[in-house]
Amino acid sequence: MKKLLLLTLIFLSSCSLDKVVQHHGVHNLEKKQAKLKINYTNKNDIIELIGPPSTKSSFDNDIYIYLERKTSSSRLTRLGKKRLIKNDVLVLEIDNTGILLSKKFYNKDDMN
């Protein structure tokens, strides 16, 4: 009986009820994008500040897309379903000379 109680205590003490947060993409994207200045910041400054883009496209101008996504699964009652905490997207348009032309920041509330 004592062994069963001890085994149960060891098993339950290894369980954690803490929040598990999964973070993908660039950390603190909203704060970092605030430091970018249109018609002033160049391509090298962007890569130094934020890092390489999640997606890169080049048509007439270069377009850099940065993503940040945070999800959490904390409650046992939710049975593993994840809750979206943060879903940010930053779209930067860079001209042929490497200068930032425009930036558009979308957060979770802006998306459908």
N, C-alpha and C. Protein backbone atom coordinates (compact mmCIF):
# COMPACT_ATOMS: atom_id res chain seq x y z
N MET A 1 0.83 -1.19 0.00
CA MET A 1 0.00 0.00 0.00
C MET A 1 0.87 1.25 0.00
N LYS A 2 1.95 1.22 0.82
CA LYS A 2 2.83 2.38 0.88
C LYS A 2 3.54 2.59 -0.46
N LYS A 3 3.91 1.47 -1.11
CA LYS A 3 4.58 1.57 -2.40
C LYS A 3 3.65 2.18 -3.45
N LEU A 4 2.39 1.80 -3.42
CA LEU A 4 1.42 2.33 -4.37
C LEU A 4 1.20 3.83 -4.14
N LEU A 5 1.12 4.24 -2.89
CA LEU A 5 0.97 5.64 -2.56
C LEU A 5 2.20 6.43 -2.99
N LEU A 6 3.38 5.89 -2.74
CA LEU A 6 4.62 6.55 -3.12
C LEU A 6 4.72 6.66 -4.64
N LEU A 7 4.39 5.62 -5.34
CA LEU A 7 4.42 5.62 -6.79
C LEU A 7 3.43 6.64 -7.37
N THR A 8 2.26 6.74 -6.77
CA THR A 8 1.26 7.71 -7.21
C THR A 8 1.74 9.14 -6.97
N LEU A 9 2.37 9.40 -5.83
CA LEU A 9 2.90 10.73 -5.55
C LEU A 9 4.01 11.11 -6.52
N ILE A 10 4.87 10.17 -6.83
CA ILE A 10 5.95 10.46 -7.78
C ILE A 10 5.38 10.76 -9.16
N PHE A 11 4.37 9.98 -9.56
CA PHE A 11 3.75 10.19 -10.86
C PHE A 11 3.07 11.56 -10.93
N LEU A 12 2.32 11.92 -9.91
CA LEU A 12 1.60 13.19 -9.92
C LEU A 12 2.53 14.39 -9.76
N SER A 13 3.64 14.22 -9.07
CA SER A 13 4.56 15.35 -8.90
C SER A 13 5.30 15.66 -10.19
N SER A 14 5.39 14.69 -11.10
CA SER A 14 6.06 14.94 -12.37
C SER A 14 5.15 15.65 -13.36
N CYS A 15 3.85 15.67 -13.12
CA CYS A 15 2.92 16.37 -13.99
C CYS A 15 3.02 17.87 -13.73
N SER A 16 2.91 18.63 -14.79
CA SER A 16 2.98 20.08 -14.65
C SER A 16 1.69 20.70 -15.14
N LEU A 17 1.19 21.65 -14.41
CA LEU A 17 -0.02 22.36 -14.80
C LEU A 17 0.30 23.74 -15.34
N ASP A 18 1.60 24.00 -15.59
CA ASP A 18 2.00 25.29 -16.12
C ASP A 18 1.57 25.43 -17.58
N LYS A 19 1.48 26.66 -18.00
CA LYS A 19 1.12 26.97 -19.37
C LYS A 19 2.25 26.55 -20.30
N VAL A 20 1.92 25.93 -21.39
CA VAL A 20 2.89 25.59 -22.41
C VAL A 20 2.65 26.53 -23.58
N VAL A 21 3.63 27.41 -23.83
CA VAL A 21 3.50 28.39 -24.89
C VAL A 21 4.46 28.01 -26.00
N GLN A 22 3.92 27.84 -27.20
CA GLN A 22 4.73 27.57 -28.37
C GLN A 22 4.85 28.84 -29.18
N HIS A 23 6.08 29.21 -29.50
CA HIS A 23 6.35 30.46 -30.18
C HIS A 23 7.06 30.16 -31.49
N HIS A 24 6.52 30.64 -32.60
CA HIS A 24 7.11 30.44 -33.91
C HIS A 24 7.33 31.79 -34.56
N GLY A 25 8.43 31.93 -35.27
CA GLY A 25 8.71 33.16 -36.00
C GLY A 25 9.59 34.09 -35.19
N VAL A 26 9.46 35.37 -35.48
CA VAL A 26 10.28 36.42 -34.87
C VAL A 26 9.68 36.83 -33.54
N HIS A 27 10.47 36.81 -32.49
CA HIS A 27 10.00 37.24 -31.17
C HIS A 27 9.90 38.77 -31.14
N ASN A 28 8.88 39.29 -30.49
CA ASN A 28 8.66 40.73 -30.30
C ASN A 28 8.63 41.50 -31.62
N LEU A 29 7.91 41.00 -32.58
CA LEU A 29 7.84 41.60 -33.91
C LEU A 29 7.25 43.01 -33.86
N GLU A 30 6.26 43.22 -33.02
CA GLU A 30 5.60 44.52 -32.94
C GLU A 30 6.57 45.61 -32.46
N LYS A 31 7.40 45.30 -31.48
CA LYS A 31 8.36 46.28 -30.98
C LYS A 31 9.47 46.53 -32.00
N LYS A 32 9.90 45.49 -32.68
CA LYS A 32 10.98 45.63 -33.65
C LYS A 32 10.54 46.42 -34.88
N GLN A 33 9.31 46.23 -35.32
CA GLN A 33 8.84 46.94 -36.50
C GLN A 33 8.67 48.42 -36.23
N ALA A 34 8.47 48.80 -34.98
CA ALA A 34 8.33 50.21 -34.63
C ALA A 34 9.63 50.98 -34.84
N LYS A 35 10.75 50.28 -34.85
CA LYS A 35 12.05 50.93 -35.04
C LYS A 35 12.38 51.17 -36.50
N LEU A 36 11.62 50.60 -37.41
CA LEU A 36 11.87 50.77 -38.84
C LEU A 36 11.28 52.09 -39.32
N LYS A 37 12.06 52.84 -40.10
CA LYS A 37 11.61 54.14 -40.61
C LYS A 37 11.53 54.07 -42.14
N ILE A 38 10.38 54.49 -42.67
CA ILE A 38 10.17 54.48 -44.11
C ILE A 38 11.07 55.53 -44.76
N ASN A 39 11.62 55.20 -45.92
CA ASN A 39 12.55 56.03 -46.70
C ASN A 39 13.85 56.32 -45.98
N TYR A 40 14.16 55.59 -44.93
CA TYR A 40 15.42 55.78 -44.20
C TYR A 40 16.13 54.45 -43.96
N THR A 41 15.41 53.47 -43.47
CA THR A 41 15.99 52.17 -43.13
C THR A 41 16.31 51.40 -44.41
N ASN A 42 17.49 50.77 -44.44
CA ASN A 42 17.84 49.98 -45.62
C ASN A 42 17.74 48.49 -45.33
N LYS A 43 17.98 47.69 -46.37
CA LYS A 43 17.83 46.24 -46.30
C LYS A 43 18.74 45.62 -45.25
N ASN A 44 19.97 46.11 -45.13
CA ASN A 44 20.92 45.58 -44.14
C ASN A 44 20.47 45.87 -42.71
N ASP A 45 19.91 47.07 -42.50
CA ASP A 45 19.39 47.41 -41.16
C ASP A 45 18.23 46.51 -40.77
N ILE A 46 17.38 46.20 -41.74
CA ILE A 46 16.22 45.34 -41.47
C ILE A 46 16.68 43.95 -41.06
N ILE A 47 17.62 43.39 -41.82
CA ILE A 47 18.10 42.04 -41.51
C ILE A 47 18.85 42.02 -40.19
N GLU A 48 19.56 43.08 -39.87
CA GLU A 48 20.27 43.15 -38.59
C GLU A 48 19.30 43.25 -37.42
N LEU A 49 18.23 44.03 -37.59
CA LEU A 49 17.28 44.25 -36.50
C LEU A 49 16.32 43.06 -36.31
N ILE A 50 15.75 42.57 -37.40
CA ILE A 50 14.71 41.55 -37.30
C ILE A 50 15.23 40.17 -37.67
N GLY A 51 16.20 40.10 -38.56
CA GLY A 51 16.71 38.82 -39.02
C GLY A 51 16.24 38.53 -40.43
N PRO A 52 16.54 37.35 -40.94
CA PRO A 52 16.09 37.02 -42.30
C PRO A 52 14.57 36.86 -42.34
N PRO A 53 13.95 37.20 -43.46
CA PRO A 53 12.49 37.14 -43.54
C PRO A 53 11.97 35.71 -43.58
N SER A 54 10.75 35.53 -43.12
CA SER A 54 10.09 34.23 -43.19
C SER A 54 9.79 33.87 -44.64
N THR A 55 9.39 34.86 -45.42
CA THR A 55 9.10 34.68 -46.84
C THR A 55 9.64 35.89 -47.58
N LYS A 56 10.20 35.64 -48.74
CA LYS A 56 10.79 36.72 -49.53
C LYS A 56 10.24 36.62 -50.95
N SER A 57 9.90 37.76 -51.54
CA SER A 57 9.34 37.79 -52.87
C SER A 57 9.97 38.96 -53.62
N SER A 58 10.15 38.81 -54.92
CA SER A 58 10.66 39.95 -55.69
C SER A 58 9.92 40.04 -57.02
N PHE A 59 9.16 41.10 -57.17
CA PHE A 59 8.51 41.43 -58.42
C PHE A 59 9.21 42.68 -58.92
N ASP A 60 8.55 43.83 -58.84
CA ASP A 60 9.22 45.08 -59.18
C ASP A 60 10.13 45.48 -58.02
N ASN A 61 9.63 45.32 -56.82
CA ASN A 61 10.38 45.62 -55.59
C ASN A 61 10.46 44.35 -54.75
N ASP A 62 11.42 44.32 -53.84
CA ASP A 62 11.52 43.18 -52.92
C ASP A 62 10.44 43.30 -51.85
N ILE A 63 9.84 42.19 -51.49
CA ILE A 63 8.85 42.17 -50.42
C ILE A 63 9.31 41.14 -49.40
N TYR A 64 9.48 41.60 -48.16
CA TYR A 64 9.86 40.73 -47.05
C TYR A 64 8.64 40.53 -46.17
N ILE A 65 8.37 39.30 -45.77
CA ILE A 65 7.24 39.00 -44.90
C ILE A 65 7.78 38.31 -43.65
N TYR A 66 7.46 38.88 -42.49
CA TYR A 66 7.88 38.34 -41.20
C TYR A 66 6.64 37.88 -40.44
N LEU A 67 6.75 36.75 -39.76
CA LEU A 67 5.63 36.17 -39.02
C LEU A 67 5.99 35.97 -37.55
N GLU A 68 4.99 36.10 -36.69
CA GLU A 68 5.11 35.76 -35.27
C GLU A 68 3.80 35.11 -34.86
N ARG A 69 3.91 33.93 -34.26
CA ARG A 69 2.71 33.21 -33.84
C ARG A 69 2.97 32.56 -32.49
N LYS A 70 2.05 32.80 -31.55
CA LYS A 70 2.12 32.19 -30.22
C LYS A 70 0.82 31.44 -29.97
N THR A 71 0.97 30.18 -29.54
CA THR A 71 -0.20 29.40 -29.14
C THR A 71 0.05 28.83 -27.76
N SER A 72 -1.03 28.52 -27.07
CA SER A 72 -0.92 27.99 -25.71
C SER A 72 -1.91 26.86 -25.52
N SER A 73 -1.46 25.84 -24.84
CA SER A 73 -2.36 24.77 -24.42
C SER A 73 -2.08 24.51 -22.96
N SER A 74 -2.96 25.02 -22.10
CA SER A 74 -2.65 24.99 -20.67
C SER A 74 -3.62 24.17 -19.85
N ARG A 75 -4.87 24.16 -20.20
CA ARG A 75 -5.87 23.54 -19.33
C ARG A 75 -6.11 22.09 -19.70
N LEU A 76 -6.24 21.30 -18.71
CA LEU A 76 -6.54 19.90 -18.92
C LEU A 76 -7.96 19.72 -19.46
N THR A 77 -8.84 20.64 -19.11
CA THR A 77 -10.23 20.54 -19.54
C THR A 77 -10.40 20.83 -21.03
N ARG A 78 -9.44 21.48 -21.64
CA ARG A 78 -9.53 21.79 -23.08
C ARG A 78 -9.11 20.61 -23.93
N LEU A 79 -8.54 19.60 -23.32
CA LEU A 79 -8.16 18.35 -24.00
C LEU A 79 -7.20 18.57 -25.17
N GLY A 80 -6.19 19.39 -24.95
CA GLY A 80 -5.15 19.56 -25.94
C GLY A 80 -5.42 20.60 -27.01
N LYS A 81 -6.58 21.24 -26.97
CA LYS A 81 -6.86 22.28 -27.95
C LYS A 81 -5.99 23.49 -27.66
N LYS A 82 -5.48 24.10 -28.71
CA LYS A 82 -4.59 25.24 -28.55
C LYS A 82 -5.36 26.54 -28.69
N ARG A 83 -4.93 27.53 -27.92
CA ARG A 83 -5.53 28.86 -27.95
C ARG A 83 -4.53 29.79 -28.61
N LEU A 84 -4.96 30.57 -29.58
CA LEU A 84 -4.10 31.50 -30.28
C LEU A 84 -3.91 32.76 -29.45
N ILE A 85 -2.68 33.03 -29.05
CA ILE A 85 -2.37 34.20 -28.24
C ILE A 85 -1.98 35.37 -29.13
N LYS A 86 -1.12 35.11 -30.09
CA LYS A 86 -0.58 36.18 -30.93
C LYS A 86 -0.40 35.66 -32.34
N ASN A 87 -0.79 36.46 -33.32
CA ASN A 87 -0.61 36.10 -34.72
C ASN A 87 -0.33 37.40 -35.47
N ASP A 88 0.94 37.76 -35.60
CA ASP A 88 1.35 39.02 -36.22
C ASP A 88 2.04 38.75 -37.55
N VAL A 89 1.79 39.65 -38.51
CA VAL A 89 2.44 39.58 -39.81
C VAL A 89 2.94 40.98 -40.15
N LEU A 90 4.19 41.06 -40.60
CA LEU A 90 4.79 42.32 -41.04
C LEU A 90 5.19 42.17 -42.49
N VAL A 91 4.69 43.08 -43.35
CA VAL A 91 5.01 43.07 -44.77
C VAL A 91 5.81 44.33 -45.08
N LEU A 92 7.04 44.14 -45.56
CA LEU A 92 7.92 45.25 -45.89
C LEU A 92 8.17 45.27 -47.39
N GLU A 93 8.07 46.45 -47.98
CA GLU A 93 8.38 46.61 -49.40
C GLU A 93 9.66 47.42 -49.52
N ILE A 94 10.63 46.87 -50.24
CA ILE A 94 11.95 47.48 -50.37
C ILE A 94 12.20 47.76 -51.84
N ASP A 95 12.66 48.98 -52.15
CA ASP A 95 12.90 49.33 -53.55
C ASP A 95 14.20 48.72 -54.07
N ASN A 96 14.53 49.00 -55.34
CA ASN A 96 15.70 48.40 -55.98
C ASN A 96 17.02 48.87 -55.37
N THR A 97 17.02 50.01 -54.72
CA THR A 97 18.25 50.51 -54.08
C THR A 97 18.42 49.99 -52.66
N GLY A 98 17.43 49.28 -52.13
CA GLY A 98 17.53 48.69 -50.81
C GLY A 98 16.93 49.52 -49.69
N ILE A 99 16.16 50.55 -50.03
CA ILE A 99 15.54 51.42 -49.03
C ILE A 99 14.09 50.97 -48.80
N LEU A 100 13.65 51.04 -47.54
CA LEU A 100 12.29 50.64 -47.16
C LEU A 100 11.27 51.63 -47.72
N LEU A 101 10.35 51.14 -48.56
CA LEU A 101 9.31 51.99 -49.14
C LEU A 101 8.05 52.02 -48.29
N SER A 102 7.62 50.85 -47.82
CA SER A 102 6.40 50.81 -47.02
C SER A 102 6.45 49.62 -46.08
N LYS A 103 5.69 49.74 -45.00
CA LYS A 103 5.55 48.64 -44.05
C LYS A 103 4.10 48.55 -43.62
N LYS A 104 3.62 47.33 -43.54
CA LYS A 104 2.25 47.07 -43.11
C LYS A 104 2.31 46.02 -42.02
N PHE A 105 1.72 46.35 -40.88
CA PHE A 105 1.72 45.42 -39.74
C PHE A 105 0.29 44.99 -39.47
N TYR A 106 0.08 43.67 -39.43
CA TYR A 106 -1.23 43.10 -39.16
C TYR A 106 -1.15 42.26 -37.89
N ASN A 107 -2.09 42.46 -36.99
CA ASN A 107 -2.13 41.62 -35.78
C ASN A 107 -3.34 40.69 -35.84
N LYS A 108 -3.56 39.98 -34.78
CA LYS A 108 -4.63 38.97 -34.74
C LYS A 108 -6.01 39.59 -35.00
N ASP A 109 -6.24 40.80 -34.54
CA ASP A 109 -7.54 41.44 -34.71
C ASP A 109 -7.81 41.89 -36.14
N ASP A 110 -6.73 42.14 -36.92
CA ASP A 110 -6.88 42.60 -38.31
C ASP A 110 -7.22 41.47 -39.27
N MET A 111 -7.00 40.24 -38.85
CA MET A 111 -7.19 39.10 -39.75
C MET A 111 -8.55 38.45 -39.53
N ASN A 112 -9.03 37.83 -40.59
CA ASN A 112 -10.32 37.12 -40.51
C ASN A 112 -10.11 35.73 -39.98
